[in-house]
Every structure is written in structure tokens, then in C-alpha cells.
Amino acid sequence: MVGPSSSWTRRHRAALSLVLLTGLAACEQATGPAAGNKLDTQAALADYKAMQDVFATSGWAGFQALGGRSPLASTAAVGAVAGLPGLSTRHSGRDFAVGFFRELAAARTGGTTLARTVISPVHLGRTLVYDPVLDRYVIDPRRTGAPANGTRFIIYEVDAAGRPIVAREIGHADLLDEGGSTGNAITLRLIVVERGRTILDYRTRADLRADGGEIDVEGFVQDAQGTRLAFTIDVAARQVAGETRIDADFELAVTPRGFTAVGKVRGVKEGEGGDGTISLTLRHGENSLRVEMEERDQQLDGAIQLNGNPFVTVTGNAKSPTLRGPTGQPLTEQELLVVVAIVSMSDDVFDLVEDLVKPVEKLLLLGWVL
């Protein structure tokens, strides 16, 4: 049973439903759009669907079930971190990023010395299992195999509410503390193995700068069939006129499909309708899409090129923009779905950062208050 999906996947559920209704999902075997001045929308949508499907696994759901149930996030020191001033309610990945940087800055206030290793010796080399009575993970002294520089969590299939089902063990998640050996500020690596296959492997690094902070995540997630989404994301915060602004550089790739997305997001702020600019290059096989977009006061102004030629203009209110083809014609339903996926890409990246950082968020902050 696969439980609640990631925020990345939830964002596109409605769009993907339309894809299924129009029969476009049947094109998953396509290798990519044919080169030329007309986009093969079916193959492009199949690329986006493949990217979403890597999160629809039991292992990913089991990984997400760790959130809030780990004793690593409930010690007295981490509890103090949880009380730091941040965002009381986080509605999106960008809000999560802004809140994290605020908490990071608050944690660093006072001039404490950075502790590069943050996993307690109590948990190093130990394996934790889920206790359904307590609804949290506890050490199982009978279990062996945990890494010496980290902690192992047994993962399970989850029910509809996202709670682990103890009778359905499917693998493990190893959280490794690499801050003491890499020379970086704080570095945590998390590896999730489902039924003998590594379905998630990534590193998270957090650092604080004079003008803000930085989070890096790099690794891959893959489904049971071996479709792999590789990601490298760098998110940085800076202060502009008393506001926290977020910049991001990212690269996503589903290599077997010849699909890549390389982009920059600059100056976005928290909340719905956050201002900012997006520069994005997408490659679907032989086709290349170039996106330049700006949002100011909930108004979009942007253009998408296909193989260097005008393809779509995007203008108007961010919630219901006007989309037109190069001669001003309305878009087809399939073209519209592609543009929805493209325009949502920057929010998708922030949502992915949230999904990956949340399980280790308090540990990343803890290094600054020890």
C-alpha cells in the first residue's frame, strides 16, 4: 500500500488526472519529442509523468512516515530548536525554505560554535523500529547492521493516514552524519533501501552566511522499475529591504528519457504570488524549451521558446494567466498541460527541497545551538 504522496506529486495531481483522461499517459514508452518547430506534447507529458511517478512508491511513502516520529527530533536540545522563531504555518515549499532560513539565523544568534556532527552518540550505530502504541520510532537493541556513523530506521508500508504498518516491513533508511569528515558545515546523507533496491540517496548540507543561509541537496530518487530522477538543488537566502528573498539553482534529469531541466530562480519571497524571476531550459529528447518568466505583484510576464523559436507567451494574473501561441492563437489542451508543468517547475523544486529537508530539518539546525 502506498500512502500519502509528496507535496511535489500533490501539486500536479489535477493536471495528471487530465493527462490520464485524455489518454496521454499511454505514451510513456515514447523516447522524446521529435525535433522540429512543433512540440510532441504527448512525449513531453510522458516525461513529466515519469518524473512524478518516481515518488509513487512504498519506499518513498515509508521514508515520509519518518517525519515527526524520530527520537532524533524529540530530544531536549532539538525541542529548543523547534521553538525558534520561524513561520507558524508553511503553505508551500518556498514558505518552508524561508522559515528554515529564519530558524537557522535564530539558531546561530549568540555566537555559538558550529558542531559539525549532530547525531547523538546514543543513536549512532543503532537501529530504530516503529512502535505503533507510541506512534514513534524506538531503539531495538536486537537489530544489527546500522552504520557506525549514523542511525538506521526500519521502514514499512503505510496506511491511508501515513502511519507505518508494522507487519509490512519493506526496507530501511540509513541517516549518516558526514559533517565531521567532509569539512562542510553540517552534512547529512540519507539512503533509503526498499526490498533490496536503493530508491533514494541524497546529501543535505546547511550553512549560514553573513547575508543569509544556504541549503544544498544532491542525489537521486527512483521507482521500482529503475526510472531515476537525479537532482542537484542549491537554495540560498538573502535580505532585501528587510524581506527574506530566496534564490535557487537546480538541475533535474531523467536520463533514460533524455529529459533534463536546468534553471535559476531569483528573488522569490514567501506566500502566494511571491515575486521573482525564472530562467529555465528543458530538454525533451531532441527538443529544447527555453523559459524566461517574471512575476511581480501576482502578475506574470514571460515567454517560452521551442528550439529557439517563439512557442508560448504567458501574461496576466498568476492564478489565471493568458497563454497564447506565437501568432496569438489559443493553445491546444495538450499544449496547455505542458505549459502548466513548465510554469509549475520552480514551485516543484521548492516542494522537493521541503520533502527532502523536512526529515532532517531539526538536526541541521541543532548544529548551530550545541
Protein backbone atom coordinates (compact mmCIF):
# COMPACT_ATOMS: atom_id res chain seq x y z
CA MET A 1 0.00 0.00 0.00
CA VAL A 2 1.38 3.41 -0.93
CA GLY A 3 0.23 6.17 1.39
CA PRO A 4 0.05 9.95 1.02
CA SER A 5 2.32 11.24 -1.72
CA SER A 6 4.85 14.05 -1.64
CA SER A 7 3.95 17.71 -1.94
CA TRP A 8 5.69 17.58 -5.33
CA THR A 9 3.24 14.96 -6.57
CA ARG A 10 0.16 16.51 -4.97
CA ARG A 11 0.77 19.75 -6.85
CA HIS A 12 0.25 18.04 -10.19
CA ARG A 13 -2.48 15.56 -9.29
CA ALA A 14 -5.21 17.52 -11.08
CA ALA A 15 -3.08 18.06 -14.17
CA LEU A 16 -2.09 14.41 -14.31
CA SER A 17 -5.74 13.41 -13.99
CA LEU A 18 -6.38 15.35 -17.17
CA VAL A 19 -3.44 13.59 -18.76
CA LEU A 20 -4.99 10.24 -17.92
CA LEU A 21 -8.42 11.30 -19.13
CA THR A 22 -7.07 12.36 -22.49
CA GLY A 23 -5.09 9.15 -22.86
CA LEU A 24 -1.70 10.84 -22.88
CA ALA A 25 -0.30 8.65 -20.14
CA ALA A 26 -0.26 5.75 -22.58
CA CYS A 27 2.70 7.39 -24.30
CA GLU A 28 5.20 6.60 -21.54
CA GLN A 29 7.26 4.43 -23.87
CA ALA A 30 7.99 7.36 -26.14
CA THR A 31 11.68 8.31 -26.11
CA GLY A 32 11.10 12.04 -26.57
CA PRO A 33 9.55 14.64 -28.82
CA ALA A 34 10.71 14.69 -32.42
CA ALA A 35 12.98 17.56 -33.40
CA GLY A 36 11.46 20.47 -35.24
CA ASN A 37 9.33 23.51 -34.60
CA LYS A 38 6.33 21.59 -33.32
CA LEU A 39 6.47 20.01 -29.89
CA ASP A 40 5.41 16.39 -29.46
CA THR A 41 3.20 17.19 -26.48
CA GLN A 42 2.35 13.56 -25.77
CA ALA A 43 6.00 12.60 -25.35
CA ALA A 44 6.70 15.75 -23.30
CA LEU A 45 3.81 14.98 -20.95
CA ALA A 46 5.06 11.42 -20.63
CA ASP A 47 8.41 12.86 -19.47
CA TYR A 48 6.68 14.93 -16.78
CA LYS A 49 4.60 11.96 -15.70
CA ALA A 50 7.71 9.79 -15.42
CA MET A 51 9.24 12.44 -13.19
CA GLN A 52 6.16 12.41 -10.92
CA ASP A 53 5.91 8.62 -10.80
CA VAL A 54 9.28 8.15 -9.08
CA PHE A 55 7.58 9.42 -5.90
CA ALA A 56 4.69 6.95 -6.08
CA THR A 57 6.49 4.10 -4.30
CA SER A 58 6.05 2.34 -0.98
CA GLY A 59 9.64 3.21 -0.10
CA TRP A 60 9.08 6.94 -0.61
CA ALA A 61 5.90 6.80 1.50
CA GLY A 62 7.78 4.88 4.20
CA PHE A 63 10.53 7.50 4.14
CA GLN A 64 8.00 10.29 4.58
CA ALA A 65 6.47 8.47 7.55
CA LEU A 66 9.70 9.18 9.47
CA GLY A 67 8.71 12.83 9.72
CA GLY A 68 7.92 13.73 13.34
CA ARG A 69 8.32 10.13 14.56
CA SER A 70 12.09 10.05 15.03
CA PRO A 71 13.55 10.45 18.54
CA LEU A 72 16.33 12.44 16.85
CA ALA A 73 13.76 15.24 16.58
CA SER A 74 12.46 15.00 20.15
CA THR A 75 15.49 15.44 22.42
CA ALA A 76 15.60 18.45 24.73
CA ALA A 77 18.13 20.26 22.53
CA VAL A 78 16.14 19.68 19.36
CA GLY A 79 12.98 20.66 21.20
CA ALA A 80 14.59 24.01 21.93
CA VAL A 81 15.36 24.38 18.23
CA ALA A 82 11.72 23.66 17.42
CA GLY A 83 10.74 26.71 19.48
CA LEU A 84 12.89 29.09 17.49
CA PRO A 85 11.00 31.87 15.69
CA GLY A 86 10.09 30.78 12.19
CA LEU A 87 6.90 30.51 10.20
CA SER A 88 3.92 29.35 12.21
CA THR A 89 2.22 27.96 9.11
CA ARG A 90 4.01 26.82 5.98
CA HIS A 91 1.82 26.62 2.94
CA SER A 92 4.38 25.84 0.25
CA GLY A 93 7.92 24.76 -0.40
CA ARG A 94 9.06 28.36 -0.72
CA ASP A 95 7.47 29.17 2.66
CA PHE A 96 9.29 26.18 4.13
CA ALA A 97 12.61 27.49 2.79
CA VAL A 98 12.02 30.99 4.16
CA GLY A 99 11.04 29.57 7.56
CA PHE A 100 14.08 27.30 7.66
CA PHE A 101 16.45 30.19 6.98
CA ARG A 102 14.78 32.28 9.69
CA GLU A 103 15.20 29.43 12.16
CA LEU A 104 18.81 28.94 11.03
CA ALA A 105 19.58 32.61 11.65
CA ALA A 106 17.89 32.46 15.07
CA ALA A 107 19.80 29.31 15.99
CA ARG A 108 23.10 30.99 15.12
CA THR A 109 22.33 34.12 17.18
CA GLY A 110 24.56 34.26 20.20
CA GLY A 111 27.82 33.34 18.51
CA THR A 112 27.83 29.63 19.34
CA THR A 113 30.44 27.37 17.78
CA LEU A 114 29.24 25.12 15.00
CA ALA A 115 29.02 21.43 15.86
CA ARG A 116 29.63 19.62 12.58
CA THR A 117 28.37 16.27 13.85
CA VAL A 118 24.84 16.33 15.20
CA ILE A 119 23.58 12.76 15.69
CA SER A 120 23.73 11.83 19.36
CA PRO A 121 26.11 9.01 20.43
CA VAL A 122 23.03 7.39 21.95
CA HIS A 123 21.73 6.73 18.43
CA LEU A 124 24.93 6.20 16.47
CA GLY A 125 25.17 2.61 15.25
CA ARG A 126 21.67 1.80 16.46
CA THR A 127 18.59 0.54 14.61
CA LEU A 128 15.18 2.01 15.33
CA VAL A 129 11.80 0.40 14.68
CA TYR A 130 8.31 1.81 14.73
CA ASP A 131 6.25 1.47 17.92
CA PRO A 132 2.54 1.75 16.98
CA VAL A 133 1.49 2.36 20.59
CA LEU A 134 3.77 5.36 20.97
CA ASP A 135 3.48 6.33 17.27
CA ARG A 136 7.20 6.92 17.10
CA TYR A 137 10.49 5.16 16.44
CA VAL A 138 12.39 3.48 19.29
CA ILE A 139 15.76 1.71 19.54
CA ASP A 140 15.64 -2.06 19.04
CA PRO A 141 18.79 -3.45 20.71
CA ARG A 142 18.33 -6.80 18.92
CA ARG A 143 18.76 -5.30 15.48
CA THR A 144 22.21 -5.05 13.91
CA GLY A 145 23.60 -3.62 10.68
CA ALA A 146 23.25 0.09 11.38
CA PRO A 147 26.10 2.32 10.13
CA ALA A 148 28.70 3.31 12.74
CA ASN A 149 28.41 7.00 11.80
CA GLY A 150 24.65 7.06 11.66
CA THR A 151 21.29 5.61 12.58
CA ARG A 152 19.11 3.04 10.78
CA PHE A 153 15.33 3.30 10.63
CA ILE A 154 13.24 0.34 9.54
CA ILE A 155 10.63 1.48 7.01
CA TYR A 156 7.22 0.00 6.37
CA GLU A 157 4.29 0.24 4.04
CA VAL A 158 1.92 2.91 5.34
CA ASP A 159 -1.82 3.13 5.74
CA ALA A 160 -4.09 5.81 4.26
CA ALA A 161 -3.18 8.17 7.10
CA GLY A 162 0.56 7.75 6.50
CA ARG A 163 1.19 5.63 9.61
CA PRO A 164 3.63 2.71 9.29
CA ILE A 165 2.14 -0.79 9.24
CA VAL A 166 4.48 -2.85 11.44
CA ALA A 167 3.54 -6.16 9.83
CA ARG A 168 4.65 -4.86 6.41
CA GLU A 169 8.35 -4.11 6.71
CA ILE A 170 9.85 -3.18 3.34
CA GLY A 171 13.36 -1.89 3.97
CA HIS A 172 15.39 0.66 5.86
CA ALA A 173 16.61 4.24 5.83
CA ASP A 174 20.18 4.99 6.94
CA LEU A 175 20.86 8.53 8.17
CA LEU A 176 24.61 9.20 8.08
CA ASP A 177 26.36 12.09 9.83
CA GLU A 178 29.14 13.17 7.45
CA GLY A 179 29.81 16.64 8.83
CA GLY A 180 32.96 15.58 10.66
CA SER A 181 34.64 14.08 7.57
CA THR A 182 33.60 16.28 4.66
CA GLY A 183 34.79 19.62 6.03
CA ASN A 184 31.40 21.13 5.19
CA ALA A 185 29.26 22.97 7.73
CA ILE A 186 26.67 20.30 8.51
CA THR A 187 26.25 17.38 6.12
CA LEU A 188 23.73 14.57 6.46
CA ARG A 189 23.26 11.73 3.98
CA LEU A 190 20.10 9.65 3.83
CA ILE A 191 19.86 6.35 1.95
CA VAL A 192 16.53 4.52 1.62
CA VAL A 193 16.51 0.88 0.54
CA GLU A 194 13.21 -0.76 -0.42
CA ARG A 195 13.18 -4.53 -0.92
CA GLY A 196 16.89 -4.59 -1.68
CA ARG A 197 16.87 -1.63 -4.11
CA THR A 198 18.18 1.82 -3.24
CA ILE A 199 15.28 4.13 -4.12
CA LEU A 200 16.61 7.32 -2.51
CA ASP A 201 20.15 8.52 -1.86
CA TYR A 202 20.98 12.16 -1.19
CA ARG A 203 23.06 14.56 0.87
CA THR A 204 21.81 17.69 2.59
CA ARG A 205 24.19 20.46 3.59
CA ALA A 206 23.22 23.55 5.58
CA ASP A 207 25.37 26.62 6.07
CA LEU A 208 24.96 30.15 7.38
CA ARG A 209 26.37 33.24 5.70
CA ALA A 210 26.57 36.83 6.83
CA ASP A 211 23.73 37.80 4.49
CA GLY A 212 21.56 34.70 4.89
CA GLY A 213 21.97 30.95 4.56
CA GLU A 214 22.23 28.10 2.11
CA ILE A 215 20.79 24.59 1.72
CA ASP A 216 22.16 22.12 -0.83
CA VAL A 217 20.54 18.81 -1.68
CA GLU A 218 22.02 16.40 -4.21
CA GLY A 219 21.20 12.83 -5.10
CA PHE A 220 18.54 10.72 -6.76
CA VAL A 221 15.16 9.10 -6.24
CA GLN A 222 13.92 6.18 -8.33
CA ASP A 223 10.92 3.90 -8.65
CA ALA A 224 10.76 0.09 -8.55
CA GLN A 225 11.26 -0.10 -12.33
CA GLY A 226 14.53 1.82 -12.14
CA THR A 227 13.33 5.15 -13.56
CA ARG A 228 15.64 7.61 -11.82
CA LEU A 229 15.27 11.32 -11.18
CA ALA A 230 18.65 12.87 -10.37
CA PHE A 231 18.65 16.26 -8.69
CA THR A 232 21.10 18.96 -7.65
CA ILE A 233 19.48 21.93 -5.90
CA ASP A 234 21.10 24.89 -4.19
CA VAL A 235 18.78 27.26 -2.29
CA ALA A 236 20.13 30.46 -0.75
CA ALA A 237 18.53 33.25 1.28
CA ARG A 238 19.35 36.95 1.29
CA GLN A 239 17.82 40.04 2.83
CA VAL A 240 16.28 42.69 0.58
CA ALA A 241 14.78 45.77 2.28
CA GLY A 242 14.07 43.74 5.40
CA GLU A 243 12.47 40.84 3.49
CA THR A 244 13.87 37.35 3.04
CA ARG A 245 14.33 36.59 -0.64
CA ILE A 246 15.19 33.15 -1.99
CA ASP A 247 17.41 32.23 -4.93
CA ALA A 248 17.72 28.72 -6.31
CA ASP A 249 19.87 26.96 -8.90
CA PHE A 250 18.80 23.48 -9.90
CA GLU A 251 19.28 20.63 -12.32
CA LEU A 252 16.87 17.72 -12.69
CA ALA A 253 17.34 14.79 -15.06
CA VAL A 254 15.54 11.60 -16.05
CA THR A 255 18.47 10.38 -18.11
CA PRO A 256 16.97 7.30 -19.84
CA ARG A 257 14.28 9.53 -21.32
CA GLY A 258 16.65 12.28 -22.42
CA PHE A 259 14.79 14.71 -20.16
CA THR A 260 16.61 17.46 -18.26
CA ALA A 261 15.61 20.71 -16.57
CA VAL A 262 18.24 23.30 -15.69
CA GLY A 263 17.13 26.54 -14.13
CA LYS A 264 17.61 29.57 -11.94
CA VAL A 265 15.05 31.23 -9.69
CA ARG A 266 15.87 34.65 -8.32
CA GLY A 267 14.31 36.89 -5.69
CA VAL A 268 11.19 34.89 -4.77
CA LYS A 269 9.52 35.62 -1.46
CA GLU A 270 7.20 33.70 0.82
CA GLY A 271 3.46 33.39 0.37
CA GLU A 272 1.17 33.09 -2.57
CA GLY A 273 2.12 35.26 -5.50
CA GLY A 274 5.74 35.73 -4.44
CA ASP A 275 7.72 37.95 -6.77
CA GLY A 276 10.71 36.62 -8.65
CA THR A 277 12.22 35.66 -11.97
CA ILE A 278 12.70 32.24 -13.57
CA SER A 279 15.14 31.18 -16.27
CA LEU A 280 14.72 27.58 -17.31
CA THR A 281 15.95 25.28 -20.07
CA LEU A 282 14.12 22.00 -20.60
CA ARG A 283 15.27 19.28 -22.95
CA HIS A 284 12.88 16.61 -24.16
CA GLY A 285 14.97 14.33 -26.37
CA GLU A 286 15.97 16.43 -29.37
CA ASN A 287 13.69 19.32 -28.43
CA SER A 288 14.70 22.25 -26.24
CA LEU A 289 12.36 24.65 -24.44
CA ARG A 290 13.66 27.96 -23.08
CA VAL A 291 11.62 29.78 -20.44
CA GLU A 292 12.03 33.36 -19.20
CA MET A 293 9.38 34.38 -16.67
CA GLU A 294 8.87 37.23 -14.21
CA GLU A 295 6.25 37.60 -11.50
CA ARG A 296 5.51 40.97 -9.91
CA ASP A 297 2.51 41.67 -7.68
CA GLN A 298 0.88 38.39 -8.77
CA GLN A 299 1.24 39.31 -12.45
CA LEU A 300 3.13 37.06 -14.85
CA ASP A 301 5.07 38.16 -17.89
CA GLY A 302 7.01 35.55 -19.77
CA ALA A 303 7.78 33.66 -22.93
CA ILE A 304 8.65 30.10 -23.87
CA GLN A 305 10.73 29.25 -26.93
CA LEU A 306 10.83 25.91 -28.71
CA ASN A 307 14.15 25.17 -30.40
CA GLY A 308 14.88 28.91 -30.48
CA ASN A 309 11.50 29.83 -31.99
CA PRO A 310 8.54 31.55 -30.25
CA PHE A 311 6.21 28.96 -28.74
CA VAL A 312 4.03 30.44 -25.97
CA THR A 313 3.57 33.81 -24.25
CA VAL A 314 2.37 33.92 -20.65
CA THR A 315 0.82 37.13 -19.31
CA GLY A 316 -1.70 38.32 -16.72
CA ASN A 317 -2.76 37.19 -13.27
CA ALA A 318 -0.61 34.37 -11.89
CA LYS A 319 -3.69 32.36 -10.90
CA SER A 320 -5.27 32.53 -14.35
CA PRO A 321 -2.72 33.77 -16.90
CA THR A 322 -3.38 34.25 -20.59
CA LEU A 323 -1.49 31.74 -22.72
CA ARG A 324 -1.08 32.27 -26.44
CA GLY A 325 0.80 30.67 -29.29
CA PRO A 326 3.32 32.57 -31.47
CA THR A 327 0.61 34.04 -33.72
CA GLY A 328 -1.75 34.80 -30.82
CA GLN A 329 -3.78 31.60 -31.21
CA PRO A 330 -5.13 29.73 -28.14
CA LEU A 331 -3.21 26.67 -27.02
CA THR A 332 -4.46 23.15 -27.51
CA GLU A 333 -5.37 21.17 -24.40
CA GLN A 334 -2.16 19.16 -24.68
CA GLU A 335 -0.01 22.27 -25.08
CA LEU A 336 -1.77 23.79 -22.08
CA LEU A 337 -0.87 20.78 -19.92
CA VAL A 338 2.78 21.06 -20.96
CA VAL A 339 2.84 24.76 -20.08
CA VAL A 340 1.20 24.04 -16.69
CA ALA A 341 4.03 21.60 -15.93
CA ILE A 342 6.67 24.10 -17.09
CA VAL A 343 5.30 27.09 -15.18
CA SER A 344 4.98 24.96 -12.03
CA MET A 345 8.61 23.81 -12.22
CA SER A 346 10.06 26.39 -9.81
CA ASP A 347 7.45 25.63 -7.14
CA ASP A 348 8.07 21.92 -7.74
CA VAL A 349 11.75 22.41 -6.95
CA PHE A 350 10.98 24.16 -3.65
CA ASP A 351 8.47 21.43 -2.77
CA LEU A 352 11.11 18.77 -3.44
CA VAL A 353 13.55 20.61 -1.17
CA GLU A 354 10.88 20.63 1.55
CA ASP A 355 10.26 16.89 1.17
CA LEU A 356 13.98 16.12 1.41
CA VAL A 357 14.96 18.57 4.16
CA LYS A 358 11.98 18.09 6.50
CA PRO A 359 13.12 14.69 7.90
CA VAL A 360 16.48 16.19 8.93
CA GLU A 361 15.46 19.83 9.46
CA LYS A 362 15.88 19.96 13.24
CA LEU A 363 19.22 18.14 13.09
CA LEU A 364 20.52 20.68 10.58
CA LEU A 365 19.51 23.46 12.95
CA LEU A 366 20.82 21.64 16.02
CA GLY A 367 24.44 22.01 14.95
CA TRP A 368 24.18 25.73 15.49
CA VAL A 369 22.98 25.58 19.10
CA LEU A 370 25.11 22.79 20.57
